N, C-alpha and C. Protein backbone atom coordinates (compact mmCIF):
# COMPACT_ATOMS: atom_id res chain seq x y z
N MET A 1 -16.95 9.40 63.18
CA MET A 1 -17.95 10.39 62.40
C MET A 1 -18.18 10.07 60.62
N THR A 2 -18.47 10.04 59.95
CA THR A 2 -18.32 10.22 58.56
C THR A 2 -19.17 10.96 58.00
N MET A 3 -18.98 11.91 57.11
CA MET A 3 -19.38 12.64 56.61
C MET A 3 -19.84 12.02 55.17
N THR A 4 -21.16 12.18 54.82
CA THR A 4 -21.95 11.71 53.41
C THR A 4 -22.30 13.01 52.59
N ASN A 5 -21.91 12.87 51.63
CA ASN A 5 -22.49 14.05 51.03
C ASN A 5 -23.28 13.14 49.60
N PRO A 6 -24.38 14.07 49.49
CA PRO A 6 -25.51 13.38 48.83
C PRO A 6 -24.88 13.43 47.15
N ASN A 7 -24.14 14.26 47.02
CA ASN A 7 -23.63 14.17 45.14
C ASN A 7 -22.69 13.09 45.23
N ASP A 8 -21.66 12.59 46.27
CA ASP A 8 -21.04 11.75 46.19
C ASP A 8 -21.88 9.74 46.25
N ASP A 9 -23.10 10.33 47.00
CA ASP A 9 -23.73 8.87 46.88
C ASP A 9 -24.20 8.76 45.35
N MET A 10 -24.89 9.73 44.97
CA MET A 10 -25.07 9.97 43.22
C MET A 10 -24.24 9.46 42.16
N LEU A 11 -22.78 10.16 42.34
CA LEU A 11 -21.77 9.53 41.46
C LEU A 11 -21.42 7.96 41.92
N ASP A 12 -21.53 7.59 43.62
CA ASP A 12 -21.30 6.07 43.44
C ASP A 12 -22.38 5.24 42.64
N ASP A 13 -23.19 5.89 42.61
CA ASP A 13 -24.40 4.89 42.12
C ASP A 13 -24.21 4.93 40.32
N PHE A 14 -23.85 5.97 39.73
CA PHE A 14 -23.48 6.24 38.27
C PHE A 14 -22.33 5.34 38.08
N PHE A 15 -21.14 5.07 38.92
CA PHE A 15 -19.98 4.36 38.66
C PHE A 15 -20.47 3.04 38.69
N ALA A 16 -21.06 2.40 39.70
CA ALA A 16 -21.83 1.19 40.00
C ALA A 16 -22.76 0.95 38.69
N GLN A 17 -23.42 1.62 37.69
CA GLN A 17 -23.91 1.54 36.87
C GLN A 17 -23.01 1.49 35.74
N ALA A 18 -22.12 2.09 35.56
CA ALA A 18 -21.09 2.19 34.42
C ALA A 18 -20.39 0.77 34.71
N ARG A 19 -19.97 -0.03 35.69
CA ARG A 19 -19.22 -0.92 36.02
C ARG A 19 -20.15 -2.11 35.70
N GLY A 20 -21.33 -1.85 35.68
CA GLY A 20 -22.02 -3.05 35.12
C GLY A 20 -22.36 -3.20 33.79
N VAL A 21 -21.91 -2.47 33.04
CA VAL A 21 -22.24 -2.34 31.35
C VAL A 21 -20.63 -2.65 31.06
N ALA A 22 -20.41 -3.94 29.86
CA ALA A 22 -19.14 -3.95 29.55
C ALA A 22 -18.79 -2.91 28.15
N PRO A 23 -17.56 -2.39 28.84
CA PRO A 23 -17.61 -1.48 27.05
C PRO A 23 -17.08 -2.24 25.67
N VAL A 24 -18.29 -1.95 24.62
CA VAL A 24 -18.34 -2.72 23.36
C VAL A 24 -18.07 -1.12 22.25
N PRO A 25 -16.92 -1.52 21.61
CA PRO A 25 -16.56 -0.55 20.60
C PRO A 25 -17.89 -0.68 19.50
N SER A 26 -18.16 0.49 18.70
CA SER A 26 -18.90 0.33 17.72
C SER A 26 -18.07 -0.39 16.24
N ASP A 27 -18.83 -0.50 15.69
CA ASP A 27 -18.68 -1.29 14.59
C ASP A 27 -17.76 -0.35 13.65
N ALA A 28 -18.28 1.01 13.62
CA ALA A 28 -17.63 2.01 12.66
C ALA A 28 -16.24 1.93 13.35
N LEU A 29 -16.00 2.25 14.64
CA LEU A 29 -14.66 2.30 15.09
C LEU A 29 -13.63 1.37 14.61
N MET A 30 -14.38 -0.05 14.93
CA MET A 30 -13.44 -1.25 14.77
C MET A 30 -13.03 -1.51 12.77
N ALA A 31 -14.08 -0.96 12.35
CA ALA A 31 -13.62 -1.15 11.04
C ALA A 31 -12.33 0.34 10.72
N ARG A 32 -12.41 1.14 11.56
CA ARG A 32 -11.60 2.55 11.17
C ARG A 32 -10.38 1.93 11.70
N VAL A 33 -9.96 1.34 12.84
CA VAL A 33 -8.80 0.26 13.37
C VAL A 33 -8.64 -0.50 12.61
N MET A 34 -9.27 -1.65 11.94
CA MET A 34 -8.54 -2.34 10.62
C MET A 34 -8.20 -1.87 9.77
N ALA A 35 -8.97 -1.23 9.28
CA ALA A 35 -8.41 -0.50 7.92
C ALA A 35 -6.52 0.67 8.40
N ASP A 36 -6.95 1.22 9.69
CA ASP A 36 -5.25 1.65 9.62
C ASP A 36 -4.41 0.43 9.83
N ALA A 37 -4.95 -0.56 11.05
CA ALA A 37 -3.63 -1.72 10.90
C ALA A 37 -3.44 -2.52 9.46
N ASP A 38 -4.60 -2.30 8.73
CA ASP A 38 -4.19 -3.06 7.45
C ASP A 38 -2.95 -2.12 6.48
N ALA A 39 -3.22 -0.89 6.64
CA ALA A 39 -2.40 0.16 6.21
C ALA A 39 -0.97 -0.20 6.37
N ALA A 40 -1.15 -0.03 7.59
CA ALA A 40 0.45 -0.10 8.52
C ALA A 40 1.05 -1.27 8.17
N GLN A 41 0.44 -2.77 8.02
CA GLN A 41 0.99 -4.13 7.67
C GLN A 41 2.00 -3.73 6.73
N LEU A 42 3.32 -4.43 7.00
CA LEU A 42 4.11 -4.96 5.82
C LEU A 42 3.30 -5.65 4.48
N ARG A 43 3.57 -5.44 3.66
CA ARG A 43 3.68 -5.67 2.43
C ARG A 43 4.64 -6.79 2.03
N ALA A 44 4.37 -8.10 1.32
CA ALA A 44 5.33 -9.00 0.87
C ALA A 44 5.87 -8.67 -0.33
N VAL A 45 7.31 -8.47 -0.08
CA VAL A 45 7.81 -7.88 -1.62
C VAL A 45 8.51 -8.85 -2.26
N ALA A 46 8.52 -9.20 -3.28
CA ALA A 46 8.53 -10.39 -4.53
C ALA A 46 10.42 -10.14 -4.62
N VAL A 47 11.10 -11.21 -3.98
CA VAL A 47 12.42 -11.21 -4.26
C VAL A 47 13.25 -11.63 -5.51
N PRO A 48 13.86 -10.28 -6.30
CA PRO A 48 14.38 -10.76 -7.54
C PRO A 48 14.89 -12.01 -7.70
N VAL A 49 14.71 -12.69 -8.80
CA VAL A 49 15.68 -13.81 -9.18
C VAL A 49 16.97 -13.51 -10.04
N ALA A 50 18.03 -13.93 -9.53
CA ALA A 50 19.48 -13.79 -10.10
C ALA A 50 19.35 -14.30 -11.38
N ALA A 51 19.84 -13.65 -12.43
CA ALA A 51 20.02 -13.98 -13.87
C ALA A 51 20.98 -15.27 -13.86
N PRO A 52 20.71 -15.88 -14.62
CA PRO A 52 21.61 -17.39 -14.64
C PRO A 52 22.96 -17.00 -15.49
N GLY A 53 24.13 -17.40 -15.00
CA GLY A 53 25.25 -17.25 -15.26
C GLY A 53 25.54 -17.89 -16.74
N VAL A 54 26.89 -17.81 -17.13
CA VAL A 54 27.02 -18.20 -18.70
C VAL A 54 27.01 -19.53 -18.63
N ILE A 55 27.72 -20.41 -17.94
CA ILE A 55 27.85 -21.82 -17.96
C ILE A 55 26.34 -22.56 -17.56
N ALA A 56 25.27 -22.11 -16.75
CA ALA A 56 24.10 -22.07 -16.78
C ALA A 56 23.44 -21.80 -17.80
N ARG A 57 23.43 -20.90 -18.66
CA ARG A 57 23.22 -20.36 -20.23
C ARG A 57 23.44 -21.71 -21.18
N ILE A 58 24.84 -21.80 -21.15
CA ILE A 58 25.33 -22.78 -22.04
C ILE A 58 24.87 -24.23 -21.92
N LEU A 59 24.45 -24.65 -20.19
CA LEU A 59 24.14 -25.96 -20.31
C LEU A 59 22.84 -26.29 -20.58
N ASP A 60 21.88 -25.08 -20.59
CA ASP A 60 20.46 -24.90 -21.05
C ASP A 60 20.38 -25.04 -22.49
N ALA A 61 21.55 -24.42 -22.88
CA ALA A 61 21.57 -24.15 -24.12
C ALA A 61 21.76 -25.78 -25.20
N ILE A 62 22.40 -26.69 -24.48
CA ILE A 62 23.27 -27.69 -25.15
C ILE A 62 22.16 -28.85 -24.39
N GLY A 63 21.37 -28.88 -23.51
CA GLY A 63 20.36 -30.05 -23.05
C GLY A 63 20.59 -30.49 -21.68
N GLY A 64 21.23 -29.29 -21.24
CA GLY A 64 21.38 -29.52 -19.39
C GLY A 64 22.29 -30.69 -19.08
N TRP A 65 22.39 -31.30 -17.75
CA TRP A 65 23.63 -32.12 -17.46
C TRP A 65 23.30 -33.55 -18.51
N PRO A 66 22.33 -34.14 -18.51
CA PRO A 66 22.32 -35.03 -19.62
C PRO A 66 23.28 -35.15 -20.84
N ALA A 67 22.99 -34.05 -21.19
CA ALA A 67 23.89 -34.02 -22.55
C ALA A 67 25.17 -33.82 -22.34
N VAL A 68 25.65 -33.13 -21.34
CA VAL A 68 26.86 -33.22 -21.26
C VAL A 68 27.59 -34.52 -21.12
N SER A 69 26.94 -35.35 -19.98
CA SER A 69 27.51 -36.53 -19.95
C SER A 69 27.47 -37.42 -21.24
N GLY A 70 26.78 -36.88 -22.01
CA GLY A 70 26.81 -37.76 -23.49
C GLY A 70 28.16 -37.22 -24.12
N LEU A 71 28.64 -36.27 -24.13
CA LEU A 71 29.59 -35.06 -24.76
C LEU A 71 30.74 -35.79 -24.08
N ALA A 72 30.65 -35.88 -22.81
CA ALA A 72 31.90 -36.51 -22.29
C ALA A 72 32.36 -37.72 -22.37
N MET A 73 31.11 -38.63 -22.56
CA MET A 73 31.57 -40.22 -23.11
C MET A 73 31.83 -40.07 -24.39
N ALA A 74 31.33 -39.64 -25.26
CA ALA A 74 31.93 -39.36 -26.85
C ALA A 74 33.08 -38.70 -26.73
N THR A 75 33.59 -37.98 -26.31
CA THR A 75 34.88 -37.41 -26.05
C THR A 75 36.02 -38.46 -25.64
N VAL A 76 35.85 -39.30 -24.38
CA VAL A 76 36.31 -40.27 -23.69
C VAL A 76 36.49 -41.38 -25.00
N ALA A 77 35.36 -41.45 -25.56
CA ALA A 77 35.54 -42.61 -26.73
C ALA A 77 36.35 -42.19 -27.75
N GLY A 78 36.07 -41.20 -27.93
CA GLY A 78 37.09 -40.46 -28.82
C GLY A 78 38.75 -40.20 -28.84
N ILE A 79 39.11 -40.23 -27.53
CA ILE A 79 40.50 -40.02 -27.15
C ILE A 79 40.70 -41.64 -27.13
N TRP A 80 39.99 -43.02 -27.23
CA TRP A 80 40.07 -43.97 -26.54
C TRP A 80 40.71 -44.38 -28.03
N VAL A 81 39.59 -44.51 -29.09
CA VAL A 81 40.09 -45.08 -30.52
C VAL A 81 41.12 -44.10 -31.28
N GLY A 82 41.52 -42.83 -30.56
CA GLY A 82 42.48 -42.43 -30.86
C GLY A 82 43.89 -43.00 -30.81
N VAL A 83 43.84 -43.10 -29.34
CA VAL A 83 44.95 -43.73 -28.56
C VAL A 83 45.21 -44.95 -28.85
N ALA A 84 44.38 -45.93 -28.63
CA ALA A 84 44.87 -47.29 -29.14
C ALA A 84 43.59 -47.87 -30.50
N PRO A 85 43.49 -47.36 -31.54
CA PRO A 85 42.56 -47.61 -32.49
C PRO A 85 42.39 -49.08 -32.93
N PRO A 86 41.12 -49.75 -32.70
CA PRO A 86 41.08 -50.98 -33.38
C PRO A 86 41.72 -51.46 -34.49
N ALA A 87 41.77 -52.75 -34.75
CA ALA A 87 42.72 -53.06 -36.29
C ALA A 87 41.79 -52.51 -37.56
N SER A 88 40.53 -52.54 -37.64
CA SER A 88 39.74 -52.22 -38.59
C SER A 88 39.94 -50.80 -38.72
N VAL A 89 40.08 -49.90 -37.98
CA VAL A 89 40.51 -48.53 -38.25
C VAL A 89 41.79 -48.11 -38.75
N GLN A 90 42.71 -49.06 -38.52
CA GLN A 90 43.78 -48.84 -38.87
C GLN A 90 44.28 -49.28 -40.38
N ASP A 91 43.30 -50.06 -40.55
CA ASP A 91 43.12 -50.77 -41.96
C ASP A 91 42.58 -49.81 -42.67
N VAL A 92 41.39 -49.20 -42.41
CA VAL A 92 40.71 -47.92 -43.07
C VAL A 92 41.64 -46.65 -43.74
N THR A 93 42.03 -46.49 -42.49
CA THR A 93 42.95 -45.46 -42.15
C THR A 93 44.09 -45.69 -43.39
N ALA A 94 44.87 -46.66 -43.94
CA ALA A 94 45.84 -46.86 -44.13
C ALA A 94 45.28 -47.09 -45.65
N ALA A 95 44.18 -47.16 -45.79
CA ALA A 95 43.51 -47.61 -47.41
C ALA A 95 42.94 -46.13 -47.68
N MET A 96 43.35 -45.06 -46.64
CA MET A 96 42.67 -43.94 -47.27
C MET A 96 44.04 -42.87 -47.38
N MET A 97 45.04 -43.12 -46.68
CA MET A 97 45.76 -42.30 -46.43
C MET A 97 47.26 -42.88 -47.04
N GLY A 98 47.29 -44.16 -47.60
CA GLY A 98 48.56 -44.40 -47.90
C GLY A 98 48.80 -45.47 -46.50
N ASP A 99 50.29 -44.96 -46.72
CA ASP A 99 51.13 -45.99 -45.66
C ASP A 99 50.90 -44.95 -44.21
N GLU A 100 51.63 -45.86 -43.30
CA GLU A 100 51.51 -45.32 -42.00
C GLU A 100 51.68 -43.47 -42.02
N VAL A 101 50.99 -43.22 -41.41
CA VAL A 101 50.99 -41.44 -40.85
C VAL A 101 51.52 -41.24 -39.73
N SER A 102 52.70 -40.44 -39.56
CA SER A 102 52.95 -39.72 -38.14
C SER A 102 53.22 -38.49 -38.14
N PHE A 103 52.82 -38.04 -36.97
CA PHE A 103 52.79 -36.65 -37.06
C PHE A 103 53.51 -36.31 -35.56
N ASN A 104 54.55 -35.59 -35.85
CA ASN A 104 55.26 -35.27 -34.16
C ASN A 104 54.87 -33.75 -33.56
N LEU A 105 54.40 -34.11 -32.74
CA LEU A 105 53.82 -32.88 -31.76
C LEU A 105 54.91 -32.12 -31.39
N PHE A 106 56.05 -32.53 -31.44
CA PHE A 106 57.21 -31.82 -30.58
C PHE A 106 58.28 -31.71 -31.62
N ALA A 107 57.99 -31.12 -32.82
CA ALA A 107 58.96 -30.69 -33.51
C ALA A 107 59.97 -29.84 -33.04
N THR A 108 61.17 -30.56 -33.44
CA THR A 108 62.49 -29.34 -32.95
C THR A 108 62.66 -28.48 -33.76
N ASP A 109 62.34 -28.56 -35.22
CA ASP A 109 62.61 -27.66 -35.77
C ASP A 109 62.03 -26.30 -35.87
N LEU A 110 60.75 -26.25 -35.06
CA LEU A 110 59.88 -24.94 -34.66
C LEU A 110 60.28 -24.43 -33.49
N VAL A 111 61.53 -25.07 -32.59
CA VAL A 111 62.25 -24.49 -31.43
C VAL A 111 62.98 -23.60 -31.75
N PHE A 112 62.90 -22.36 -31.29
CA PHE A 112 64.31 -21.53 -31.15
C PHE A 112 65.39 -22.08 -30.53
N ASP A 113 66.49 -21.70 -31.15
CA ASP A 113 68.16 -22.21 -30.46
C ASP A 113 68.36 -21.18 -29.51
N ALA A 114 68.68 -21.77 -28.44
CA ALA A 114 68.86 -20.56 -27.44
C ALA A 114 70.06 -19.49 -27.72
N GLY A 115 70.98 -20.14 -28.66
CA GLY A 115 72.53 -19.45 -29.13
C GLY A 115 71.96 -18.55 -30.04
N ALA A 116 70.78 -18.80 -31.12
CA ALA A 116 70.70 -17.80 -32.11
C ALA A 116 70.22 -16.55 -31.50
N LEU A 117 69.76 -16.65 -30.12
CA LEU A 117 69.27 -15.47 -29.74
C LEU A 117 70.18 -14.35 -29.01
N GLY A 118 71.16 -15.04 -28.65
CA GLY A 118 72.63 -14.42 -28.12
C GLY A 118 73.46 -13.46 -28.51
N ASP A 119 74.19 -12.78 -28.39
CA ASP A 119 75.26 -11.50 -28.99
C ASP A 119 76.15 -12.81 -29.32
N GLY A 120 77.04 -12.92 -30.34
CA GLY A 120 77.79 -13.09 -30.79
C GLY A 120 78.16 -13.96 -31.68
């Protein structure tokens, strides 16, 4: 034996009718939700660029690595001509300076004598 209440039948009809309609949010609600989501979303932050170092600034001032390679080649050529000069350079040097010029990089008269610093 089941009891039926007419109010329950009426409620069942309302629930069945509500189940048949798909819930669709209003456009105003969706606009508010999207505005809140946009406000809460993280913004892209620009990464600060590190300032170039001293060596990088010097390289930029002289023209970069191609200029450094040119300077290196000029240095090597200068050392080469200084160590093993061609005959024409020796002739020009002799004509300008006179006879052969020599310079001792390890002059002994500039070095202190160890005995001069001691007592006695």
